[in-house]
PDB file of N, CA and C in Angstrom:
ATOM      1  N   MET A   1     113.479 120.863 102.999  1.00  0.00           N
ATOM      2  CA  MET A   1     113.153 119.505 103.405  1.00  0.00           C
ATOM      3  C   MET A   1     114.309 118.598 103.008  1.00  0.00           C
ATOM      4  N   SER A   2     114.723 117.754 103.937  1.00  0.00           N
ATOM      5  CA  SER A   2     115.817 116.832 103.638  1.00  0.00           C
ATOM      6  C   SER A   2     115.291 115.609 102.906  1.00  0.00           C
ATOM      7  N   GLN A   3     116.186 114.921 102.218  1.00  0.00           N
ATOM      8  CA  GLN A   3     115.779 113.713 101.501  1.00  0.00           C
ATOM      9  C   GLN A   3     115.245 112.663 102.453  1.00  0.00           C
ATOM     10  N   GLY A   4     115.844 112.564 103.629  1.00  0.00           N
ATOM     11  CA  GLY A   4     115.428 111.554 104.592  1.00  0.00           C
ATOM     12  C   GLY A   4     113.973 111.704 104.992  1.00  0.00           C
ATOM     13  N   SER A   5     113.528 112.931 105.307  1.00  0.00           N
ATOM     14  CA  SER A   5     112.149 113.111 105.737  1.00  0.00           C
ATOM     15  C   SER A   5     111.178 112.895 104.582  1.00  0.00           C
ATOM     16  N   GLY A   6     111.575 113.288 103.368  1.00  0.00           N
ATOM     17  CA  GLY A   6     110.713 113.061 102.211  1.00  0.00           C
ATOM     18  C   GLY A   6     110.553 111.591 101.911  1.00  0.00           C
ATOM     19  N   ALA A   7     111.640 110.854 102.024  1.00  0.00           N
ATOM     20  CA  ALA A   7     111.583 109.412 101.767  1.00  0.00           C
ATOM     21  C   ALA A   7     110.728 108.718 102.812  1.00  0.00           C
ATOM     22  N   LYS A   8     110.815 109.179 104.061  1.00  0.00           N
ATOM     23  CA  LYS A   8     110.040 108.548 105.128  1.00  0.00           C
ATOM     24  C   LYS A   8     108.541 108.779 104.918  1.00  0.00           C
ATOM     25  N   SER A   9     108.147 109.986 104.488  1.00  0.00           N
ATOM     26  CA  SER A   9     106.732 110.264 104.279  1.00  0.00           C
ATOM     27  C   SER A   9     106.176 109.503 103.068  1.00  0.00           C
ATOM     28  N   GLN A  10     107.052 109.075 102.166  1.00  0.00           N
ATOM     29  CA  GLN A  10     106.637 108.328 100.983  1.00  0.00           C
ATOM     30  C   GLN A  10     106.808 106.818 101.174  1.00  0.00           C
ATOM     31  N   GLN A  11     107.102 106.381 102.408  1.00  0.00           N
ATOM     32  CA  GLN A  11     107.386 104.981 102.696  1.00  0.00           C
ATOM     33  C   GLN A  11     106.233 104.081 102.267  1.00  0.00           C
ATOM     34  N   GLN A  12     106.572 103.037 101.522  1.00  0.00           N
ATOM     35  CA  GLN A  12     105.552 102.080 101.111  1.00  0.00           C
ATOM     36  C   GLN A  12     105.380 101.038 102.198  1.00  0.00           C
ATOM     37  N   VAL A  13     104.157 100.616 102.386  1.00  0.00           N
ATOM     38  CA  VAL A  13     103.822  99.642 103.417  1.00  0.00           C
ATOM     39  C   VAL A  13     103.231  98.423 102.732  1.00  0.00           C
ATOM     40  N   PHE A  14     103.675  97.250 103.155  1.00  0.00           N
ATOM     41  CA  PHE A  14     103.186  96.002 102.583  1.00  0.00           C
ATOM     42  C   PHE A  14     102.811  95.039 103.695  1.00  0.00           C
ATOM     43  N   TRP A  15     101.942  94.096 103.373  1.00  0.00           N
ATOM     44  CA  TRP A  15     101.604  93.020 104.301  1.00  0.00           C
ATOM     45  C   TRP A  15     102.695  91.957 104.228  1.00  0.00           C
ATOM     46  N   THR A  16     103.084  91.421 105.373  1.00  0.00           N
ATOM     47  CA  THR A  16     104.023  90.299 105.382  1.00  0.00           C
ATOM     48  C   THR A  16     103.243  89.014 105.095  1.00  0.00           C
ATOM     49  N   ARG A  17     103.967  87.957 104.826  1.00  0.00           N
ATOM     50  CA  ARG A  17     103.321  86.665 104.573  1.00  0.00           C
ATOM     51  C   ARG A  17     102.513  86.215 105.797  1.00  0.00           C
ATOM     52  N   ALA A  18     103.075  86.389 106.989  1.00  0.00           N
ATOM     53  CA  ALA A  18     102.379  85.996 108.223  1.00  0.00           C
ATOM     54  C   ALA A  18     101.112  86.829 108.429  1.00  0.00           C
ATOM     55  N   GLU A  19     101.189  88.128 108.130  1.00  0.00           N
ATOM     56  CA  GLU A  19     100.012  88.990 108.262  1.00  0.00           C
ATOM     57  C   GLU A  19      98.931  88.586 107.269  1.00  0.00           C
ATOM     58  N   LEU A  20      99.326  88.321 106.030  1.00  0.00           N
ATOM     59  CA  LEU A  20      98.350  87.882 105.027  1.00  0.00           C
ATOM     60  C   LEU A  20      97.691  86.571 105.446  1.00  0.00           C
ATOM     61  N   GLN A  21      98.454  85.680 106.048  1.00  0.00           N
ATOM     62  CA  GLN A  21      97.891  84.414 106.516  1.00  0.00           C
ATOM     63  C   GLN A  21      96.833  84.663 107.589  1.00  0.00           C
ATOM     64  N   GLN A  22      97.104  85.574 108.524  1.00  0.00           N
ATOM     65  CA  GLN A  22      96.122  85.919 109.553  1.00  0.00           C
ATOM     66  C   GLN A  22      94.858  86.505 108.927  1.00  0.00           C
ATOM     67  N   LEU A  23      95.044  87.413 107.977  1.00  0.00           N
ATOM     68  CA  LEU A  23      93.901  88.063 107.331  1.00  0.00           C
ATOM     69  C   LEU A  23      93.074  87.057 106.530  1.00  0.00           C
ATOM     70  N   LEU A  24      93.742  86.182 105.795  1.00  0.00           N
ATOM     71  CA  LEU A  24      93.021  85.200 104.982  1.00  0.00           C
ATOM     72  C   LEU A  24      92.343  84.136 105.844  1.00  0.00           C
ATOM     73  N   ASN A  25      92.920  83.802 106.990  1.00  0.00           N
ATOM     74  CA  ASN A  25      92.249  82.883 107.917  1.00  0.00           C
ATOM     75  C   ASN A  25      90.957  83.502 108.437  1.00  0.00           C
ATOM     76  N   LEU A  26      91.019  84.778 108.825  1.00  0.00           N
ATOM     77  CA  LEU A  26      89.822  85.487 109.278  1.00  0.00           C
ATOM     78  C   LEU A  26      88.794  85.554 108.154  1.00  0.00           C
ATOM     79  N   TYR A  27      89.261  85.899 106.956  1.00  0.00           N
ATOM     80  CA  TYR A  27      88.378  86.001 105.792  1.00  0.00           C
ATOM     81  C   TYR A  27      87.676  84.670 105.515  1.00  0.00           C
ATOM     82  N   SER A  28      88.413  83.568 105.512  1.00  0.00           N
ATOM     83  CA  SER A  28      87.805  82.270 105.189  1.00  0.00           C
ATOM     84  C   SER A  28      86.776  81.859 106.237  1.00  0.00           C
ATOM     85  N   THR A  29      87.009  82.205 107.493  1.00  0.00           N
ATOM     86  CA  THR A  29      86.026  81.916 108.543  1.00  0.00           C
ATOM     87  C   THR A  29      84.722  82.657 108.271  1.00  0.00           C
ATOM     88  N   HIS A  30      84.826  83.925 107.902  1.00  0.00           N
ATOM     89  CA  HIS A  30      83.619  84.723 107.649  1.00  0.00           C
ATOM     90  C   HIS A  30      82.945  84.336 106.333  1.00  0.00           C
ATOM     91  N   VAL A  31      83.707  83.864 105.368  1.00  0.00           N
ATOM     92  CA  VAL A  31      83.102  83.347 104.129  1.00  0.00           C
ATOM     93  C   VAL A  31      82.298  82.092 104.456  1.00  0.00           C
ATOM     94  N   ALA A  32      82.867  81.211 105.267  1.00  0.00           N
ATOM     95  CA  ALA A  32      82.169  79.977 105.653  1.00  0.00           C
ATOM     96  C   ALA A  32      80.883  80.280 106.420  1.00  0.00           C
ATOM     97  N   ASN A  33      80.872  81.378 107.179  1.00  0.00           N
ATOM     98  CA  ASN A  33      79.663  81.790 107.906  1.00  0.00           C
ATOM     99  C   ASN A  33      78.668  82.523 107.015  1.00  0.00           C
ATOM    100  N   GLY A  34      79.061  82.833 105.778  1.00  0.00           N
ATOM    101  CA  GLY A  34      78.183  83.553 104.860  1.00  0.00           C
ATOM    102  C   GLY A  34      78.183  85.057 105.054  1.00  0.00           C
ATOM    103  N   ASP A  35      79.137  85.583 105.838  1.00  0.00           N
ATOM    104  CA  ASP A  35      79.179  87.023 106.119  1.00  0.00           C
ATOM    105  C   ASP A  35      79.865  87.819 105.015  1.00  0.00           C
ATOM    106  N   TRP A  36      80.969  87.296 104.502  1.00  0.00           N
ATOM    107  CA  TRP A  36      81.780  87.997 103.519  1.00  0.00           C
ATOM    108  C   TRP A  36      81.851  87.189 102.242  1.00  0.00           C
ATOM    109  N   ARG A  37      82.016  87.893 101.103  1.00  0.00           N
ATOM    110  CA  ARG A  37      82.080  87.194  99.829  1.00  0.00           C
ATOM    111  C   ARG A  37      83.286  87.573  98.960  1.00  0.00           C
ATOM    112  N   ASP A  38      83.926  88.688  99.262  1.00  0.00           N
ATOM    113  CA  ASP A  38      85.036  89.139  98.421  1.00  0.00           C
ATOM    114  C   ASP A  38      86.003  89.962  99.263  1.00  0.00           C
ATOM    115  N   TYR A  39      87.221  90.096  98.772  1.00  0.00           N
ATOM    116  CA  TYR A  39      88.204  90.940  99.452  1.00  0.00           C
ATOM    117  C   TYR A  39      89.070  91.651  98.425  1.00  0.00           C
ATOM    118  N   ALA A  40      89.746  92.691  98.895  1.00  0.00           N
ATOM    119  CA  ALA A  40      90.670  93.444  98.040  1.00  0.00           C
ATOM    120  C   ALA A  40      91.883  93.838  98.871  1.00  0.00           C
ATOM    121  N   ILE A  41      93.041  93.831  98.234  1.00  0.00           N
ATOM    122  CA  ILE A  41      94.273  94.286  98.866  1.00  0.00           C
ATOM    123  C   ILE A  41      94.746  95.506  98.090  1.00  0.00           C
ATOM    124  N   ASP A  42      94.957  96.606  98.800  1.00  0.00           N
ATOM    125  CA  ASP A  42      95.408  97.850  98.182  1.00  0.00           C
ATOM    126  C   ASP A  42      96.663  98.339  98.888  1.00  0.00           C
ATOM    127  N   HIS A  43      97.543  98.964  98.122  1.00  0.00           N
ATOM    128  CA  HIS A  43      98.735  99.598  98.670  1.00  0.00           C
ATOM    129  C   HIS A  43      98.754 101.030  98.162  1.00  0.00           C
ATOM    130  N   LYS A  44      98.606 101.966  99.089  1.00  0.00           N
ATOM    131  CA  LYS A  44      98.659 103.381  98.757  1.00  0.00           C
ATOM    132  C   LYS A  44      99.853 103.979  99.484  1.00  0.00           C
ATOM    133  N   LYS A  45     100.137 105.244  99.261  1.00  0.00           N
ATOM    134  CA  LYS A  45     101.271 105.890  99.927  1.00  0.00           C
ATOM    135  C   LYS A  45     101.088 105.814 101.441  1.00  0.00           C
ATOM    136  N   GLY A  46     102.000 105.110 102.092  1.00  0.00           N
ATOM    137  CA  GLY A  46     101.999 105.063 103.544  1.00  0.00           C
ATOM    138  C   GLY A  46     100.947 104.184 104.184  1.00  0.00           C
ATOM    139  N   ILE A  47     100.279 103.320 103.415  1.00  0.00           N
ATOM    140  CA  ILE A  47      99.233 102.480 103.999  1.00  0.00           C
ATOM    141  C   ILE A  47      99.014 101.229 103.144  1.00  0.00           C
ATOM    142  N   ALA A  48      98.784 100.120 103.822  1.00  0.00           N
ATOM    143  CA  ALA A  48      98.374  98.878 103.153  1.00  0.00           C
ATOM    144  C   ALA A  48      96.972  98.567 103.659  1.00  0.00           C
ATOM    145  N   LEU A  49      96.077  98.184 102.764  1.00  0.00           N
ATOM    146  CA  LEU A  49      94.683  97.925 103.126  1.00  0.00           C
ATOM    147  C   LEU A  49      94.257  96.527 102.722  1.00  0.00           C
ATOM    148  N   PHE A  50      93.489  95.899 103.588  1.00  0.00           N
ATOM    149  CA  PHE A  50      92.822  94.634 103.291  1.00  0.00           C
ATOM    150  C   PHE A  50      91.353  94.906 103.570  1.00  0.00           C
ATOM    151  N   SER A  51      90.532  94.917 102.529  1.00  0.00           N
ATOM    152  CA  SER A  51      89.115  95.251 102.665  1.00  0.00           C
ATOM    153  C   SER A  51      88.259  94.044 102.339  1.00  0.00           C
ATOM    154  N   VAL A  52      87.147  93.908 103.066  1.00  0.00           N
ATOM    155  CA  VAL A  52      86.232  92.789 102.833  1.00  0.00           C
ATOM    156  C   VAL A  52      84.860  93.327 102.447  1.00  0.00           C
ATOM    157  N   PHE A  53      84.182  92.550 101.601  1.00  0.00           N
ATOM    158  CA  PHE A  53      82.909  92.969 101.027  1.00  0.00           C
ATOM    159  C   PHE A  53      81.870  91.866 101.184  1.00  0.00           C
ATOM    160  N   ARG A  54      80.631  92.271 101.327  1.00  0.00           N
ATOM    161  CA  ARG A  54      79.527  91.312 101.277  1.00  0.00           C
ATOM    162  C   ARG A  54      79.213  91.003  99.817  1.00  0.00           C
ATOM    163  N   HIS A  55      79.211  92.045  98.986  1.00  0.00           N
ATOM    164  CA  HIS A  55      79.003  91.895  97.545  1.00  0.00           C
ATOM    165  C   HIS A  55      80.092  92.682  96.831  1.00  0.00           C
ATOM    166  N   THR A  56      80.535  92.179  95.705  1.00  0.00           N
ATOM    167  CA  THR A  56      81.664  92.757  94.983  1.00  0.00           C
ATOM    168  C   THR A  56      81.452  94.224  94.635  1.00  0.00           C
ATOM    169  N   MET A  57      80.260  94.612  94.261  1.00  0.00           N
ATOM    170  CA  MET A  57      80.016  95.968  93.775  1.00  0.00           C
ATOM    171  C   MET A  57      79.710  96.966  94.893  1.00  0.00           C
ATOM    172  N   GLU A  58      79.760  96.551  96.142  1.00  0.00           N
ATOM    173  CA  GLU A  58      79.469  97.444  97.262  1.00  0.00           C
ATOM    174  C   GLU A  58      80.745  98.053  97.822  1.00  0.00           C
ATOM    175  N   ARG A  59      80.558  98.988  98.729  1.00  0.00           N
ATOM    176  CA  ARG A  59      81.694  99.522  99.484  1.00  0.00           C
ATOM    177  C   ARG A  59      82.139  98.462 100.477  1.00  0.00           C
ATOM    178  N   PRO A  60      83.381  98.546 100.941  1.00  0.00           N
ATOM    179  CA  PRO A  60      83.846  97.535 101.902  1.00  0.00           C
ATOM    180  C   PRO A  60      83.030  97.555 103.190  1.00  0.00           C
ATOM    181  N   MET A  61      82.762  96.362 103.721  1.00  0.00           N
ATOM    182  CA  MET A  61      82.134  96.264 105.039  1.00  0.00           C
ATOM    183  C   MET A  61      83.132  96.691 106.109  1.00  0.00           C
ATOM    184  N   PHE A  62      84.367  96.206 105.953  1.00  0.00           N
ATOM    185  CA  PHE A  62      85.450  96.516 106.883  1.00  0.00           C
ATOM    186  C   PHE A  62      86.736  96.689 106.092  1.00  0.00           C
ATOM    187  N   SER A  63      87.617  97.533 106.605  1.00  0.00           N
ATOM    188  CA  SER A  63      88.962  97.671 106.052  1.00  0.00           C
ATOM    189  C   SER A  63      89.955  97.573 107.198  1.00  0.00           C
ATOM    190  N   ILE A  64      90.990  96.787 106.978  1.00  0.00           N
ATOM    191  CA  ILE A  64      92.068  96.662 107.946  1.00  0.00           C
ATOM    192  C   ILE A  64      93.256  97.392 107.344  1.00  0.00           C
ATOM    193  N   ALA A  65      93.784  98.365 108.074  1.00  0.00           N
ATOM    194  CA  ALA A  65      94.865  99.208 107.579  1.00  0.00           C
ATOM    195  C   ALA A  65      96.142  98.947 108.363  1.00  0.00           C
ATOM    196  N   LYS A  66      97.255  98.955 107.650  1.00  0.00           N
ATOM    197  CA  LYS A  66      98.582  98.868 108.269  1.00  0.00           C
ATOM    198  C   LYS A  66      99.309 100.154 107.927  1.00  0.00           C
ATOM    199  N   LYS A  67      99.773 100.848 108.959  1.00  0.00           N
ATOM    200  CA  LYS A  67     100.486 102.109 108.776  1.00  0.00           C
ATOM    201  C   LYS A  67     101.901 101.968 109.326  1.00  0.00           C
ATOM    202  N   PRO A  68     102.858 102.678 108.744  1.00  0.00           N
ATOM    203  CA  PRO A  68     104.253 102.489 109.137  1.00  0.00           C
ATOM    204  C   PRO A  68     104.641 103.104 110.479  1.00  0.00           C
ATOM    205  N   GLN A  69     103.870 104.045 110.998  1.00  0.00           N
ATOM    206  CA  GLN A  69     104.253 104.732 112.230  1.00  0.00           C
ATOM    207  C   GLN A  69     104.275 103.740 113.392  1.00  0.00           C
ATOM    208  N   GLY A  70     105.401 103.077 113.586  1.00  0.00           N
ATOM    209  CA  GLY A  70     105.515 102.114 114.673  1.00  0.00           C
ATOM    210  C   GLY A  70     104.661 100.882 114.459  1.00  0.00           C
ATOM    211  N   GLN A  71     104.373 100.551 113.220  1.00  0.00           N
ATOM    212  CA  GLN A  71     103.516  99.411 112.866  1.00  0.00           C
ATOM    213  C   GLN A  71     102.162  99.519 113.567  1.00  0.00           C
ATOM    214  N   ILE A  72     101.335 100.415 113.102  1.00  0.00           N
ATOM    215  CA  ILE A  72      99.991 100.618 113.631  1.00  0.00           C
ATOM    216  C   ILE A  72      98.998  99.884 112.738  1.00  0.00           C
ATOM    217  N   TYR A  73      98.075  99.169 113.357  1.00  0.00           N
ATOM    218  CA  TYR A  73      97.020  98.456 112.638  1.00  0.00           C
ATOM    219  C   TYR A  73      95.681  99.028 113.089  1.00  0.00           C
ATOM    220  N   GLU A  74      94.799  99.285 112.119  1.00  0.00           N
ATOM    221  CA  GLU A  74      93.480  99.834 112.429  1.00  0.00           C
ATOM    222  C   GLU A  74      92.415  99.050 111.679  1.00  0.00           C
ATOM    223  N   VAL A  75      91.257  98.911 112.314  1.00  0.00           N
ATOM    224  CA  VAL A  75      90.097  98.295 111.673  1.00  0.00           C
ATOM    225  C   VAL A  75      89.047  99.386 111.526  1.00  0.00           C
ATOM    226  N   TRP A  76      88.547  99.542 110.309  1.00  0.00           N
ATOM    227  CA  TRP A  76      87.561 100.571 109.991  1.00  0.00           C
ATOM    228  C   TRP A  76      86.278  99.936 109.486  1.00  0.00           C
ATOM    229  N   GLN A  77      85.161 100.512 109.863  1.00  0.00           N
ATOM    230  CA  GLN A  77      83.860 100.176 109.291  1.00  0.00           C
ATOM    231  C   GLN A  77      83.326 101.484 108.735  1.00  0.00           C
ATOM    232  N   GLY A  78      83.477 101.650 107.412  1.00  0.00           N
ATOM    233  CA  GLY A  78      83.157 102.936 106.801  1.00  0.00           C
ATOM    234  C   GLY A  78      84.072 104.005 107.388  1.00  0.00           C
ATOM    235  N   PRO A  79      83.497 105.147 107.805  1.00  0.00           N
ATOM    236  CA  PRO A  79      84.328 106.222 108.356  1.00  0.00           C
ATOM    237  C   PRO A  79      84.676 106.033 109.843  1.00  0.00           C
ATOM    238  N   GLN A  80      84.164 104.984 110.462  1.00  0.00           N
ATOM    239  CA  GLN A  80      84.361 104.774 111.900  1.00  0.00           C
ATOM    240  C   GLN A  80      85.517 103.812 112.185  1.00  0.00           C
ATOM    241  N   ARG A  81      86.481 104.292 112.969  1.00  0.00           N
ATOM    242  CA  ARG A  81      87.575 103.420 113.385  1.00  0.00           C
ATOM    243  C   ARG A  81      87.093 102.586 114.572  1.00  0.00           C
ATOM    244  N   LEU A  82      87.121 101.262 114.409  1.00  0.00           N
ATOM    245  CA  LEU A  82      86.659 100.357 115.452  1.00  0.00           C
ATOM    246  C   LEU A  82      87.766  99.961 116.416  1.00  0.00           C
ATOM    247  N   LYS A  83      88.993  99.875 115.917  1.00  0.00           N
ATOM    248  CA  LYS A  83      90.092  99.384 116.754  1.00  0.00           C
ATOM    249  C   LYS A  83      91.410  99.890 116.209  1.00  0.00           C
ATOM    250  N   ARG A  84      92.339 100.188 117.129  1.00  0.00           N
ATOM    251  CA  ARG A  84      93.706 100.587 116.773  1.00  0.00           C
ATOM    252  C   ARG A  84      94.629  99.811 117.698  1.00  0.00           C
ATOM    253  N   SER A  85      95.659  99.192 117.138  1.00  0.00           N
ATOM    254  CA  SER A  85      96.542  98.354 117.937  1.00  0.00           C
ATOM    255  C   SER A  85      97.957  98.366 117.364  1.00  0.00           C
ATOM    256  N   GLY A  86      98.904  98.008 118.198  1.00  0.00           N
ATOM    257  CA  GLY A  86     100.289  97.873 117.767  1.00  0.00           C
ATOM    258  C   GLY A  86     100.578  96.520 117.143  1.00  0.00           C
ATOM    259  N   THR A  87      99.585  95.605 117.193  1.00  0.00           N
ATOM    260  CA  THR A  87      99.734  94.288 116.571  1.00  0.00           C
ATOM    261  C   THR A  87      98.509  93.989 115.717  1.00  0.00           C
ATOM    262  N   LEU A  88      98.707  93.211 114.678  1.00  0.00           N
ATOM    263  CA  LEU A  88      97.576  92.817 113.837  1.00  0.00           C
ATOM    264  C   LEU A  88      96.608  91.957 114.639  1.00  0.00           C
ATOM    265  N   LYS A  89      97.138  91.037 115.430  1.00  0.00           N
ATOM    266  CA  LYS A  89      96.284  90.179 116.254  1.00  0.00           C
ATOM    267  C   LYS A  89      95.398  91.015 117.175  1.00  0.00           C
ATOM    268  N   GLY A  90      95.971  92.037 117.781  1.00  0.00           N
ATOM    269  CA  GLY A  90      95.199  92.919 118.654  1.00  0.00           C
ATOM    270  C   GLY A  90      94.099  93.652 117.906  1.00  0.00           C
ATOM    271  N   ALA A  91      94.393  94.106 116.704  1.00  0.00           N
ATOM    272  CA  ALA A  91      93.386  94.814 115.905  1.00  0.00           C
ATOM    273  C   ALA A  91      92.260  93.880 115.486  1.00  0.00           C
ATOM    274  N   LEU A  92      92.601  92.633 115.161  1.00  0.00           N
ATOM    275  CA  LEU A  92      91.591  91.685 114.681  1.00  0.00           C
ATOM    276  C   LEU A  92      90.693  91.156 115.794  1.00  0.00           C
ATOM    277  N   GLU A  93      91.037  91.439 117.056  1.00  0.00           N
ATOM    278  CA  GLU A  93      90.185  91.021 118.172  1.00  0.00           C
ATOM    279  C   GLU A  93      88.781  91.600 118.062  1.00  0.00           C
ATOM    280  N   VAL A  94      88.644  92.722 117.386  1.00  0.00           N
ATOM    281  CA  VAL A  94      87.324  93.336 117.226  1.00  0.00           C
ATOM    282  C   VAL A  94      86.362  92.373 116.522  1.00  0.00           C
ATOM    283  N   PHE A  95      86.871  91.510 115.661  1.00  0.00           N
ATOM    284  CA  PHE A  95      86.011  90.561 114.956  1.00  0.00           C
ATOM    285  C   PHE A  95      85.589  89.408 115.855  1.00  0.00           C
ATOM    286  N   GLU A  96      86.394  89.058 116.840  1.00  0.00           N
ATOM    287  CA  GLU A  96      86.005  88.027 117.797  1.00  0.00           C
ATOM    288  C   GLU A  96      84.826  88.512 118.621  1.00  0.00           C
ATOM    289  N   LYS A  97      84.872  89.764 119.038  1.00  0.00           N
ATOM    290  CA  LYS A  97      83.775  90.340 119.819  1.00  0.00           C
ATOM    291  C   LYS A  97      82.512  90.436 118.979  1.00  0.00           C
ATOM    292  N   LYS A  98      82.662  90.843 117.716  1.00  0.00           N
ATOM    293  CA  LYS A  98      81.498  90.950 116.839  1.00  0.00           C
ATOM    294  C   LYS A  98      80.875  89.581 116.592  1.00  0.00           C
ATOM    295  N   ALA A  99      81.690  88.536 116.477  1.00  0.00           N
ATOM    296  CA  ALA A  99      81.170  87.188 116.237  1.00  0.00           C
ATOM    297  C   ALA A  99      80.331  86.720 117.417  1.00  0.00           C
ATOM    298  N   ARG A 100      80.729  87.060 118.639  1.00  0.00           N
ATOM    299  CA  ARG A 100      79.970  86.657 119.818  1.00  0.00           C
ATOM    300  C   ARG A 100      78.634  87.376 119.898  1.00  0.00           C
ATOM    301  N   LEU A 101      78.544  88.554 119.293  1.00  0.00           N
ATOM    302  CA  LEU A 101      77.316  89.340 119.344  1.00  0.00           C
ATOM    303  C   LEU A 101      76.392  89.069 118.168  1.00  0.00           C
ATOM    304  N   ARG A 102      76.745  88.125 117.324  1.00  0.00           N
ATOM    305  CA  ARG A 102      75.977  87.850 116.118  1.00  0.00           C
ATOM    306  C   ARG A 102      74.564  87.373 116.454  1.00  0.00           C
ATOM    307  N   VAL A 103      73.577  87.950 115.803  1.00  0.00           N
ATOM    308  CA  VAL A 103      72.176  87.598 116.019  1.00  0.00           C
ATOM    309  C   VAL A 103      71.801  86.476 115.063  1.00  0.00           C
ATOM    310  N   VAL A 104      71.202  85.438 115.590  1.00  0.00           N
ATOM    311  CA  VAL A 104      70.758  84.310 114.777  1.00  0.00           C
ATOM    312  C   VAL A 104      69.248  84.396 114.653  1.00  0.00           C
ATOM    313  N   SER A 105      68.766  84.394 113.416  1.00  0.00           N
ATOM    314  CA  SER A 105      67.312  84.498 113.223  1.00  0.00           C
ATOM    315  C   SER A 105      66.699  83.182 112.840  1.00  0.00           C
TER     316      SER A 105
END
């Protein structure tokens, strides 16, 4: 194995300032609606995660992942991938659709 391929597989991924702003804008909207209450940012080998929670001690309701392979963004709800896109904005569209389907009791 060459050094180049090993370094690429160990590539660290981070959120940019603009991406964090998009994520925090979405988060604050859902906090104001009473849907979300907490978030976490994680950086693991080859992936950056932004996860949102209804309650701090629960599993994430949703996780938004950024992967280095051509800048891929994915939205996950538990083990189910809801959306995959080449842009963060495209991946976050899944939340616009979910907001329109919200049931009011």
